[in-house]
Each structure stands twice: as structure tokens, then as C-alpha cells.
Amino acid sequence: MDQMKKAYELLKDWKGDAYVHGLGVLDQVGTIARGFGKRALVVSNTTYMKPVADRVVAYLKEAGVELAGGVIAPDAKPNAPREDVYRLESYILHHKPDCIVAIGGGSAIDACKAANALASLGAKVTPEIDHYFGTDVVTNALKETGVSLIPLIAVQTSASSGAHLTKYSNITDPVVGQKKLIVDNALNPTVAMFDYETTVTMPLSVTIDGALDAIAHTFEVFCGAKEATYDKAREIAECAINLVAEYSKVLIKDPKNVKAREAIGLATDLGGYAIMIGGTSGAHLTSFSLVDIVAHGTACGIMNPYYAVLYSKAIQKQLKVVGAIFANHGFADKAIVDLKDRDLAVAVAEAMIAFSKSIKAPTKLNDIPGFGEKHVQRALSAAKDPQLAMKLQNMPVPMTTADVDLFMEPLLRAASNGDLSLIKEM
């Protein structure tokens, strides 16, 4: 079956009319916003994203929606630093919009999600963002206070994290260089939009980072899938990884290829679908400690081959599926499906590494400028943080904090040097 058609069908089955996506759909934003009122707080980058932001503002005006505060609020810096969340909260509190229109990639949308929660709950619960990290804290606070969040329209412009479709808000404390998570269905945007044509304006490096994140989301969820979600997780992973493996190389040659941009956008959307039916695990956990030196998707792309070997005993079925995909696209020998045990895991890891090399992505931590021992220690410390415990529990073989030094430290050493032999299997 055509993988792009399959992707549209999967997303339609999941989101229905709550998701407006495809080519040339941006002009619908005005009508959607008008359904919530006459004043919208628009949040966007106004340098390289200015053409898209200007179009959104024009569509809002046509629909009779004015800018709350009369200006576009600057979006968040990469990885959604906490100070940008507080700044956006102040825009919401000062201008009291009927809805928020977040234009951008994962960082902009994640920051708006968190700022919306802070602005809505800060007076009755606490204005300190640390309180909301973890799972369902926002939902519980909304129930206890009777407060509602402001409608959020997430206008995705980058094939990246799937933030416009999910319950996650990744926020970074830049002082310590650590990312933390709010995981809460209350943060799901009220309406999501993604006009895949807008990604043509994005740097190729951003789209490639998103492609790696699409693999990471779908691969990690597939590896950790339980019986009830296994078939759906497999269907999503097969479609997304096929799209990335086929079309990333097209974008390398022709960054303005609209069909390839559409394909990678669909793959990252499927990544968003995946993390709503299951959880990411090891590679995502480690990526949170690398925010000061490398983009998120690339960090996950580096780490997943090594975690595949760590999980080897528990994910043999998944490895055969993923190995066959990479073999079909020329990144492994077709006999990979005949392998088993650690040999299979190593072969799949090598195929994933070969794919990353084909798109000029780093494949070991020492490839990243600025990487050092402090990042290893930061990652080990973060793995023991109770607020990130969900990532350990999402692993195909759940890890406890007592296991971190025994299994994760050798893995980080392996990922540092690209030596798969150092990894201990769980």
C-alpha cells in the first residue's frame, strides 16, 4: 500500500476533524479561531517564520479576529526554556485572549501548552512550573479548581516532535541543562493544524532532526508495546519508518521537494500518534540531558541503536520488523531477518547507524561538539530523578533506579565511542 495514503488514513482514524493537515490548508486558521471568539494571542518567531506568521494574521483578520495586545508574541527558544514559558504566561495574563494561536515547531507549542496551564492555574494552585512536571498534575488541578484552559490552536510549521498532536510539554531548565516533562491530556491542543508546505521554509537540518524523531517515537513505542497496543504500534512504526527511510534521501538532494516534505511531515505526525498510545523510553530519557549540545531528534537518533542492543532479549519480534524495513531500503542485508538474539539487535543497530550516516547525522556522542563526561553524569543522575521515572518504566524491560549504574553507564560509554560490544543486555 502507498505509505503516504496509509499515513493519512491512520491520522484520520485517530484525530478525525480535530486535525486539519495536508497541503494548502493554512487558510482555514481564521475560521477556526473565530469559533472561539474575536481576540487571539498569536505566538510565533518573527524572523525566518515571519512569512507564515503574516499569513496567519491576515487569515485571522479576514475572519474578524484581532491580535490580542496588537502584536505577535515572540515564541520560545529551542527546547522551550522555562523563562520563555513564564514570559508567555505574562502575555496571556495581560491580554486575556479568547484563544491562543501557537505557530512553530515543538518548542513554541510546548511552551504555549505550559504557559496556558500556568496562566490558568497559577493564581489558585501555584505559579511555579516545577509543580506541574510529571503525569496528570494539570488535569487534577483543573478538576479541583473548576478552572478551564484557554483554547489552544497549534499551527505546526516544522516536521518535528508532533507537539501539536500530543499531551506532552517538554520544558528545559537551561541553568542545569536538563529537560523535564509535563505529561497530561489536558495539554492536548484544542485544534491542531499542519500545512506541510510551510516546512519548505525550514532549514533542512531541522527537518532531518524531525525525521530522526519520527523514527525515535515510533520505534521506542513499538519496542515497549504491550499486547493490547502491539498491532497498532507496529502499523504506525512500519508506515513512519518507511516514509523516513524513503524520503529523507530525497530531501538531502532537493530540500524544496514538496512531496518529500509532506512525507516527512506525515511521519512525524505518526510519531505523535505513537506516543499517545505508548511511551518513549531510554533514548528520549538520555536526550533530555543533551539539550545544551544537540537537537532532540538527533540525540534520540544517536541513542536508539544502542538501546536496541540493551533491550535485545525483549524485542526480538520488533527487531525483525524494523530490520526488514531498513533492509528493503538498502541499509542492511535482507538476511537480517534470519538472525536472532544479540546478533539481530546488533545488525538492526548497525542498519540504523547506516541510515543516519546516509543523511549526514551523527552516530555517536563523541561526534557532538561539546560532549563530555559531564553529560554522562548528568544523564545518569536524570535517570534517577523520580519526575522522569516514567521513561525507565516504559522500557521494554523496565529499569529501576538501582539498575541505572549497572546497565545505563556501559550503554552511555558505548554510545560515546560507537562500540556496541560494551552494552550489557537486560
Protein backbone atom coordinates (compact mmCIF):
# COMPACT_ATOMS: atom_id res chain seq x y z
CA MET A 1 0.00 0.00 0.00
CA ASP A 2 1.14 3.57 -0.67
CA GLN A 3 2.68 4.70 2.62
CA MET A 4 1.57 8.33 2.32
CA LYS A 5 -2.04 7.28 1.75
CA LYS A 6 -1.72 4.90 4.69
CA ALA A 7 -0.42 7.72 6.90
CA TYR A 8 -3.39 9.95 6.06
CA GLU A 9 -5.78 7.10 6.87
CA LEU A 10 -4.13 6.38 10.21
CA LEU A 11 -4.20 10.04 11.24
CA LYS A 12 -7.82 10.46 10.14
CA ASP A 13 -8.86 7.42 12.18
CA TRP A 14 -7.07 8.88 15.19
CA LYS A 15 -7.87 12.61 15.15
CA GLY A 16 -10.85 12.95 12.84
CA ASP A 17 -11.88 16.57 12.28
CA ALA A 18 -9.80 17.85 15.21
CA TYR A 19 -6.75 17.79 12.96
CA VAL A 20 -6.51 19.92 9.82
CA HIS A 21 -3.49 18.87 7.76
CA GLY A 22 -2.25 18.44 4.23
CA LEU A 23 -1.05 20.78 1.50
CA GLY A 24 -2.53 24.30 1.30
CA VAL A 25 -4.70 24.19 4.43
CA LEU A 26 -3.28 27.17 6.36
CA ASP A 27 -6.09 29.49 5.22
CA GLN A 28 -8.53 27.66 7.49
CA VAL A 29 -6.94 29.08 10.66
CA GLY A 30 -9.10 32.23 10.70
CA THR A 31 -12.40 30.38 10.64
CA ILE A 32 -11.20 28.00 13.34
CA ALA A 33 -10.06 30.84 15.64
CA ARG A 34 -13.28 32.79 15.11
CA GLY A 35 -15.12 29.86 16.61
CA PHE A 36 -13.53 30.70 19.97
CA GLY A 37 -14.02 34.47 19.94
CA LYS A 38 -12.70 37.71 18.48
CA ARG A 39 -9.28 38.04 20.14
CA ALA A 40 -6.37 35.68 19.58
CA LEU A 41 -2.93 35.76 21.16
CA VAL A 42 -0.62 34.83 18.29
CA VAL A 43 2.75 33.38 19.30
CA SER A 44 5.43 32.99 16.65
CA ASN A 45 9.01 33.55 15.63
CA THR A 46 9.04 36.73 13.52
CA THR A 47 12.33 36.30 11.67
CA TYR A 48 12.50 33.25 9.43
CA MET A 49 8.88 32.36 10.27
CA LYS A 50 7.57 35.86 9.51
CA PRO A 51 6.02 34.96 6.12
CA VAL A 52 3.94 32.22 7.73
CA ALA A 53 3.05 34.36 10.75
CA ASP A 54 1.95 37.20 8.47
CA ARG A 55 -0.30 34.84 6.52
CA VAL A 56 -1.88 33.57 9.74
CA VAL A 57 -2.50 37.12 10.96
CA ALA A 58 -4.08 38.01 7.59
CA TYR A 59 -6.37 34.97 7.72
CA LEU A 60 -7.40 35.89 11.27
CA LYS A 61 -8.19 39.46 10.21
CA GLU A 62 -10.30 38.21 7.29
CA ALA A 63 -12.32 36.15 9.75
CA GLY A 64 -12.84 39.09 12.11
CA VAL A 65 -10.27 38.04 14.72
CA GLU A 66 -7.92 40.68 16.10
CA LEU A 67 -4.48 40.28 17.69
CA ALA A 68 -4.75 40.33 21.48
CA GLY A 69 -2.34 43.05 22.54
CA GLY A 70 -1.90 44.19 18.96
CA VAL A 71 1.39 42.34 18.47
CA ILE A 72 2.73 38.87 17.79
CA ALA A 73 4.22 37.45 20.98
CA PRO A 74 7.76 36.09 20.42
CA ASP A 75 7.89 32.31 20.64
CA ALA A 76 10.24 30.18 22.73
CA LYS A 77 13.88 29.47 22.09
CA PRO A 78 14.90 25.87 21.25
CA ASN A 79 13.92 23.29 23.87
CA ALA A 80 11.37 25.68 25.45
CA PRO A 81 13.41 27.24 28.28
CA ARG A 82 11.36 27.82 31.41
CA GLU A 83 11.88 31.60 31.30
CA ASP A 84 10.11 31.70 27.93
CA VAL A 85 7.19 29.83 29.47
CA TYR A 86 6.91 32.48 32.19
CA ARG A 87 7.17 35.26 29.58
CA LEU A 88 4.35 33.77 27.51
CA GLU A 89 2.29 33.31 30.65
CA SER A 90 2.57 37.07 31.22
CA TYR A 91 1.27 37.76 27.69
CA ILE A 92 -1.75 35.56 28.40
CA LEU A 93 -2.44 37.20 31.75
CA HIS A 94 -2.06 40.75 30.41
CA HIS A 95 -4.01 40.37 27.16
CA LYS A 96 -6.68 37.83 28.21
CA PRO A 97 -7.23 36.28 24.74
CA ASP A 98 -10.18 34.15 23.69
CA CYS A 99 -7.73 31.66 22.20
CA ILE A 100 -4.01 31.14 21.70
CA VAL A 101 -2.58 30.51 18.23
CA ALA A 102 0.86 28.91 18.61
CA ILE A 103 2.81 28.98 15.33
CA GLY A 104 6.02 26.99 15.14
CA GLY A 105 7.69 23.73 15.99
CA GLY A 106 7.81 21.67 19.16
CA SER A 107 9.46 24.29 21.36
CA ALA A 108 6.93 27.04 20.54
CA ILE A 109 3.94 24.75 21.01
CA ASP A 110 5.29 23.09 24.17
CA ALA A 111 5.98 26.49 25.73
CA CYS A 112 2.42 27.65 24.92
CA LYS A 113 0.96 24.49 26.45
CA ALA A 114 2.83 25.05 29.70
CA ALA A 115 2.19 28.82 29.72
CA ASN A 116 -1.53 28.18 29.25
CA ALA A 117 -1.55 25.87 32.28
CA LEU A 118 0.41 28.36 34.40
CA ALA A 119 -1.78 31.31 33.43
CA SER A 120 -4.94 29.34 34.14
CA LEU A 121 -3.88 27.67 37.39
CA GLY A 122 -1.16 29.88 38.83
CA ALA A 123 -3.42 32.02 41.00
CA LYS A 124 -5.30 29.07 42.51
CA VAL A 125 -2.57 26.42 42.71
CA THR A 126 0.96 27.76 42.21
CA PRO A 127 2.75 29.87 39.58
CA GLU A 128 5.87 27.66 39.88
CA ILE A 129 6.25 25.41 36.87
CA ASP A 130 8.10 22.67 38.76
CA HIS A 131 4.85 21.71 40.46
CA TYR A 132 3.31 20.60 37.15
CA PHE A 133 6.08 18.27 35.96
CA GLY A 134 5.03 14.64 35.89
CA THR A 135 1.78 12.96 34.89
CA ASP A 136 -1.78 14.35 35.17
CA VAL A 137 -0.92 17.14 37.62
CA VAL A 138 -2.67 19.71 35.41
CA THR A 139 -5.78 17.56 34.97
CA ASN A 140 -6.09 17.05 38.71
CA ALA A 141 -5.64 20.77 39.38
CA LEU A 142 -8.30 21.68 36.81
CA LYS A 143 -10.75 19.31 38.47
CA GLU A 144 -10.01 20.63 41.96
CA THR A 145 -10.29 24.30 40.97
CA GLY A 146 -13.02 24.17 38.33
CA VAL A 147 -10.76 26.17 36.01
CA SER A 148 -10.60 25.64 32.22
CA LEU A 149 -7.63 26.15 29.94
CA ILE A 150 -7.81 28.70 27.13
CA PRO A 151 -8.46 27.08 23.72
CA LEU A 152 -5.13 26.45 22.01
CA ILE A 153 -4.75 26.23 18.23
CA ALA A 154 -1.41 24.62 17.45
CA VAL A 155 -0.16 25.58 13.97
CA GLN A 156 2.75 23.27 13.33
CA THR A 157 5.36 24.52 10.86
CA SER A 158 8.14 22.01 11.34
CA ALA A 159 8.32 18.27 10.79
CA SER A 160 9.45 17.56 14.31
CA SER A 161 8.14 16.40 17.65
CA GLY A 162 4.41 16.07 16.99
CA ALA A 163 3.79 18.59 19.79
CA HIS A 164 0.63 19.80 18.05
CA LEU A 165 -0.96 16.37 18.49
CA THR A 166 0.12 15.26 21.93
CA LYS A 167 -0.25 15.60 25.68
CA TYR A 168 3.44 16.33 26.25
CA SER A 169 5.18 19.60 27.09
CA ASN A 170 8.97 19.40 27.23
CA ILE A 171 10.45 22.28 29.24
CA THR A 172 14.14 22.94 29.86
CA ASP A 173 15.99 24.42 32.81
CA PRO A 174 18.96 25.93 30.92
CA VAL A 175 20.90 26.58 34.14
CA VAL A 176 21.41 22.86 34.73
CA GLY A 177 20.93 21.83 31.08
CA GLN A 178 18.13 19.39 31.89
CA LYS A 179 14.75 18.89 30.22
CA LYS A 180 11.65 17.77 32.13
CA LEU A 181 8.17 16.71 31.10
CA ILE A 182 4.59 17.65 31.73
CA VAL A 183 2.51 14.68 30.60
CA ASP A 184 -1.18 15.48 30.66
CA ASN A 185 -4.13 15.00 28.32
CA ALA A 186 -5.37 18.43 29.36
CA LEU A 187 -2.48 19.90 27.34
CA ASN A 188 -3.69 18.43 24.05
CA PRO A 189 -4.24 21.40 21.71
CA THR A 190 -7.92 22.13 21.13
CA VAL A 191 -7.32 22.15 17.37
CA ALA A 192 -4.15 21.14 15.52
CA MET A 193 -3.09 22.34 12.06
CA PHE A 194 -0.17 21.39 9.84
CA ASP A 195 0.21 22.70 6.31
CA TYR A 196 3.14 20.62 5.13
CA GLU A 197 4.07 23.25 2.54
CA THR A 198 5.25 25.55 5.34
CA THR A 199 8.12 23.19 6.15
CA VAL A 200 9.80 24.20 2.88
CA THR A 201 10.77 27.41 4.69
CA MET A 202 12.52 25.45 7.45
CA PRO A 203 16.25 24.67 7.39
CA LEU A 204 16.98 21.17 6.14
CA SER A 205 18.75 20.36 9.41
CA VAL A 206 15.51 20.95 11.34
CA THR A 207 13.55 18.62 9.08
CA ILE A 208 16.19 15.90 9.28
CA ASP A 209 16.15 16.22 13.07
CA GLY A 210 12.39 15.75 12.88
CA ALA A 211 12.78 12.68 10.68
CA LEU A 212 15.03 11.10 13.29
CA ASP A 213 12.49 11.99 15.97
CA ALA A 214 9.76 10.26 13.94
CA ILE A 215 11.82 7.07 13.97
CA ALA A 216 12.54 7.51 17.68
CA HIS A 217 8.90 7.99 18.67
CA THR A 218 7.57 5.09 16.65
CA PHE A 219 10.49 2.72 17.34
CA GLU A 220 10.51 3.31 21.10
CA VAL A 221 6.75 2.93 21.43
CA PHE A 222 6.79 -0.20 19.24
CA CYS A 223 9.58 -1.73 21.33
CA GLY A 224 7.66 -1.13 24.54
CA ALA A 225 4.21 -2.08 23.20
CA LYS A 226 2.08 -4.42 25.26
CA GLU A 227 -0.29 -6.98 23.71
CA ALA A 228 -3.23 -4.55 23.56
CA THR A 229 -1.31 -1.95 21.53
CA TYR A 230 1.23 -4.10 19.68
CA ASP A 231 -0.59 -4.33 16.34
CA LYS A 232 -1.36 -0.60 16.16
CA ALA A 233 2.15 0.35 17.28
CA ARG A 234 3.58 -1.92 14.58
CA GLU A 235 1.30 -0.42 11.91
CA ILE A 236 2.33 3.11 12.86
CA ALA A 237 6.03 2.27 13.09
CA GLU A 238 6.13 0.46 9.76
CA CYS A 239 4.48 3.38 7.98
CA ALA A 240 6.56 6.11 9.62
CA ILE A 241 9.94 4.40 9.31
CA ASN A 242 9.27 3.51 5.67
CA LEU A 243 8.42 7.15 4.91
CA VAL A 244 11.55 8.44 6.64
CA ALA A 245 13.84 5.86 5.05
CA GLU A 246 12.47 6.59 1.56
CA TYR A 247 12.10 10.36 1.58
CA SER A 248 14.94 11.65 3.77
CA LYS A 249 17.41 10.96 0.99
CA VAL A 250 15.16 12.85 -1.43
CA LEU A 251 15.26 15.92 0.81
CA ILE A 252 19.04 15.73 1.09
CA LYS A 253 19.21 16.13 -2.69
CA ASP A 254 16.29 18.56 -3.05
CA PRO A 255 15.29 20.40 0.17
CA LYS A 256 12.36 22.10 -1.59
CA ASN A 257 10.75 18.86 -2.76
CA VAL A 258 7.16 19.31 -1.53
CA LYS A 259 6.23 15.63 -1.73
CA ALA A 260 9.22 14.68 0.41
CA ARG A 261 8.36 17.46 2.87
CA GLU A 262 4.80 16.10 3.04
CA ALA A 263 6.08 12.58 3.64
CA ILE A 264 8.38 13.57 6.49
CA GLY A 265 5.59 15.71 7.98
CA LEU A 266 3.29 12.70 7.93
CA ALA A 267 5.98 10.53 9.51
CA THR A 268 6.45 12.96 12.38
CA ASP A 269 2.68 13.14 12.83
CA LEU A 270 2.66 9.37 13.14
CA GLY A 271 5.35 9.77 15.76
CA GLY A 272 2.88 11.93 17.66
CA TYR A 273 0.25 9.23 17.30
CA ALA A 274 2.66 6.63 18.60
CA ILE A 275 3.46 8.48 21.82
CA MET A 276 -0.23 8.83 22.57
CA ILE A 277 -0.74 5.05 22.59
CA GLY A 278 2.53 4.19 24.32
CA GLY A 279 5.57 5.76 25.88
CA THR A 280 9.07 6.57 24.75
CA SER A 281 11.90 5.28 26.89
CA GLY A 282 15.68 5.15 27.05
CA ALA A 283 16.77 7.25 24.08
CA HIS A 284 14.35 10.03 24.97
CA LEU A 285 15.45 9.95 28.59
CA THR A 286 19.10 10.36 27.62
CA SER A 287 18.26 13.08 25.09
CA PHE A 288 16.91 15.26 27.91
CA SER A 289 20.45 15.54 29.29
CA LEU A 290 21.95 16.60 25.95
CA VAL A 291 19.78 19.67 25.32
CA ASP A 292 22.71 22.07 25.57
CA ILE A 293 24.69 20.48 22.73
CA VAL A 294 22.38 18.76 20.23
CA ALA A 295 18.83 18.89 18.88
CA HIS A 296 16.34 16.47 20.42
CA GLY A 297 15.58 14.22 17.44
CA THR A 298 19.26 13.88 16.59
CA ALA A 299 20.06 12.93 20.18
CA CYS A 300 17.39 10.22 20.04
CA GLY A 301 18.70 9.10 16.65
CA ILE A 302 22.15 8.62 18.14
CA MET A 303 20.92 6.70 21.17
CA ASN A 304 18.30 4.30 19.82
CA PRO A 305 20.69 1.85 18.14
CA TYR A 306 22.48 1.39 21.46
CA TYR A 307 19.26 0.95 23.41
CA ALA A 308 18.14 -1.62 20.82
CA VAL A 309 21.04 -3.82 21.90
CA LEU A 310 20.29 -3.21 25.59
CA TYR A 311 16.69 -4.39 25.08
CA SER A 312 17.64 -7.20 22.70
CA LYS A 313 16.15 -10.11 24.62
CA ALA A 314 12.75 -8.45 24.97
CA ILE A 315 12.25 -7.04 21.46
CA GLN A 316 13.13 -9.82 19.04
CA LYS A 317 9.78 -9.54 17.17
CA GLN A 318 10.12 -5.79 16.82
CA LEU A 319 13.72 -6.02 15.67
CA LYS A 320 12.77 -8.36 12.83
CA VAL A 321 10.09 -5.90 11.64
CA VAL A 322 12.38 -2.88 11.79
CA GLY A 323 15.34 -4.77 10.38
CA ALA A 324 13.27 -5.78 7.34
CA ILE A 325 12.31 -2.14 6.70
CA PHE A 326 15.89 -0.92 6.74
CA ALA A 327 16.96 -3.88 4.60
CA ASN A 328 14.30 -3.04 2.00
CA HIS A 329 15.76 0.45 1.76
CA GLY A 330 19.32 -0.78 1.34
CA PHE A 331 20.69 -0.18 4.85
CA ALA A 332 21.12 -3.87 5.75
CA ASP A 333 21.37 -7.26 4.12
CA LYS A 334 17.98 -8.90 3.54
CA ALA A 335 19.20 -11.89 5.53
CA ILE A 336 18.91 -9.74 8.65
CA VAL A 337 15.50 -11.27 9.35
CA ASP A 338 17.12 -14.70 9.74
CA LEU A 339 19.27 -13.52 12.65
CA LYS A 340 18.29 -13.81 16.30
CA ASP A 341 19.25 -12.77 19.79
CA ARG A 342 22.08 -10.24 20.17
CA ASP A 343 23.21 -10.79 16.57
CA LEU A 344 19.84 -9.49 15.36
CA ALA A 345 19.96 -6.48 17.69
CA VAL A 346 23.47 -5.54 16.60
CA ALA A 347 22.53 -5.88 12.92
CA VAL A 348 19.49 -3.63 13.36
CA ALA A 349 21.58 -1.14 15.33
CA GLU A 350 24.15 -1.09 12.53
CA ALA A 351 21.36 -0.56 9.96
CA MET A 352 20.03 2.41 11.95
CA ILE A 353 23.54 3.82 12.14
CA ALA A 354 24.00 3.33 8.40
CA PHE A 355 20.78 5.24 7.77
CA SER A 356 21.93 8.11 9.99
CA LYS A 357 25.24 8.26 8.16
CA SER A 358 23.39 8.41 4.83
CA ILE A 359 21.70 11.65 5.91
CA LYS A 360 24.90 13.01 7.46
CA ALA A 361 23.63 12.73 11.04
CA PRO A 362 25.99 11.97 13.94
CA THR A 363 26.03 8.36 15.11
CA LYS A 364 27.93 8.54 18.42
CA LEU A 365 28.04 11.04 21.24
CA ASN A 366 31.65 11.97 20.64
CA ASP A 367 30.57 13.28 17.22
CA ILE A 368 28.77 16.13 19.01
CA PRO A 369 30.88 19.24 19.69
CA GLY A 370 30.90 19.96 23.41
CA PHE A 371 30.03 16.45 24.57
CA GLY A 372 31.92 15.36 27.66
CA GLU A 373 31.89 13.42 30.90
CA LYS A 374 29.51 15.93 32.49
CA HIS A 375 26.83 14.79 30.05
CA VAL A 376 27.30 11.15 31.02
CA GLN A 377 26.97 12.01 34.69
CA ARG A 378 24.00 14.31 34.02
CA ALA A 379 22.24 11.51 32.13
CA LEU A 380 22.85 9.02 34.93
CA SER A 381 21.58 11.50 37.51
CA ALA A 382 18.47 12.33 35.44
CA ALA A 383 17.67 8.62 35.10
CA LYS A 384 17.34 8.51 38.90
CA ASP A 385 15.02 11.56 39.05
CA PRO A 386 11.52 10.49 40.22
CA GLN A 387 9.92 13.02 37.84
CA LEU A 388 11.44 11.11 34.90
CA ALA A 389 10.79 7.63 36.27
CA MET A 390 8.15 7.03 33.57
CA LYS A 391 10.92 6.63 31.00
CA LEU A 392 12.53 3.82 32.98
CA GLN A 393 9.18 2.11 33.39
CA ASN A 394 8.39 2.46 29.68
CA MET A 395 11.44 0.42 28.72
CA PRO A 396 10.72 -3.00 27.18
CA VAL A 397 12.48 -4.37 30.25
CA PRO A 398 11.51 -1.87 32.96
CA MET A 399 14.54 -0.46 34.70
CA THR A 400 14.70 0.73 38.30
CA THR A 401 16.98 3.44 39.62
CA ALA A 402 19.08 0.64 41.16
CA ASP A 403 19.78 -0.67 37.62
CA VAL A 404 20.96 2.65 36.19
CA ASP A 405 24.65 2.41 37.02
CA LEU A 406 24.84 -1.27 36.09
CA PHE A 407 23.21 -1.03 32.67
CA MET A 408 22.98 2.60 31.60
CA GLU A 409 26.55 3.65 32.29
CA PRO A 410 28.07 0.98 29.98
CA LEU A 411 25.48 1.94 27.35
CA LEU A 412 26.47 5.61 27.56
CA ARG A 413 30.12 4.63 27.22
CA ALA A 414 29.21 2.56 24.16
CA ALA A 415 27.27 5.43 22.64
CA SER A 416 30.14 7.80 23.33
CA ASN A 417 32.59 5.77 21.26
CA GLY A 418 30.30 3.84 18.92
CA ASP A 419 31.28 0.50 20.43
CA LEU A 420 28.20 -1.75 20.62
CA SER A 421 30.19 -4.52 22.34
CA LEU A 422 30.26 -2.57 25.61
CA ILE A 423 26.49 -2.84 26.10
CA LYS A 424 25.10 -5.25 28.68
CA GLU A 425 21.74 -6.76 27.75
CA MET A 426 18.92 -6.56 30.28
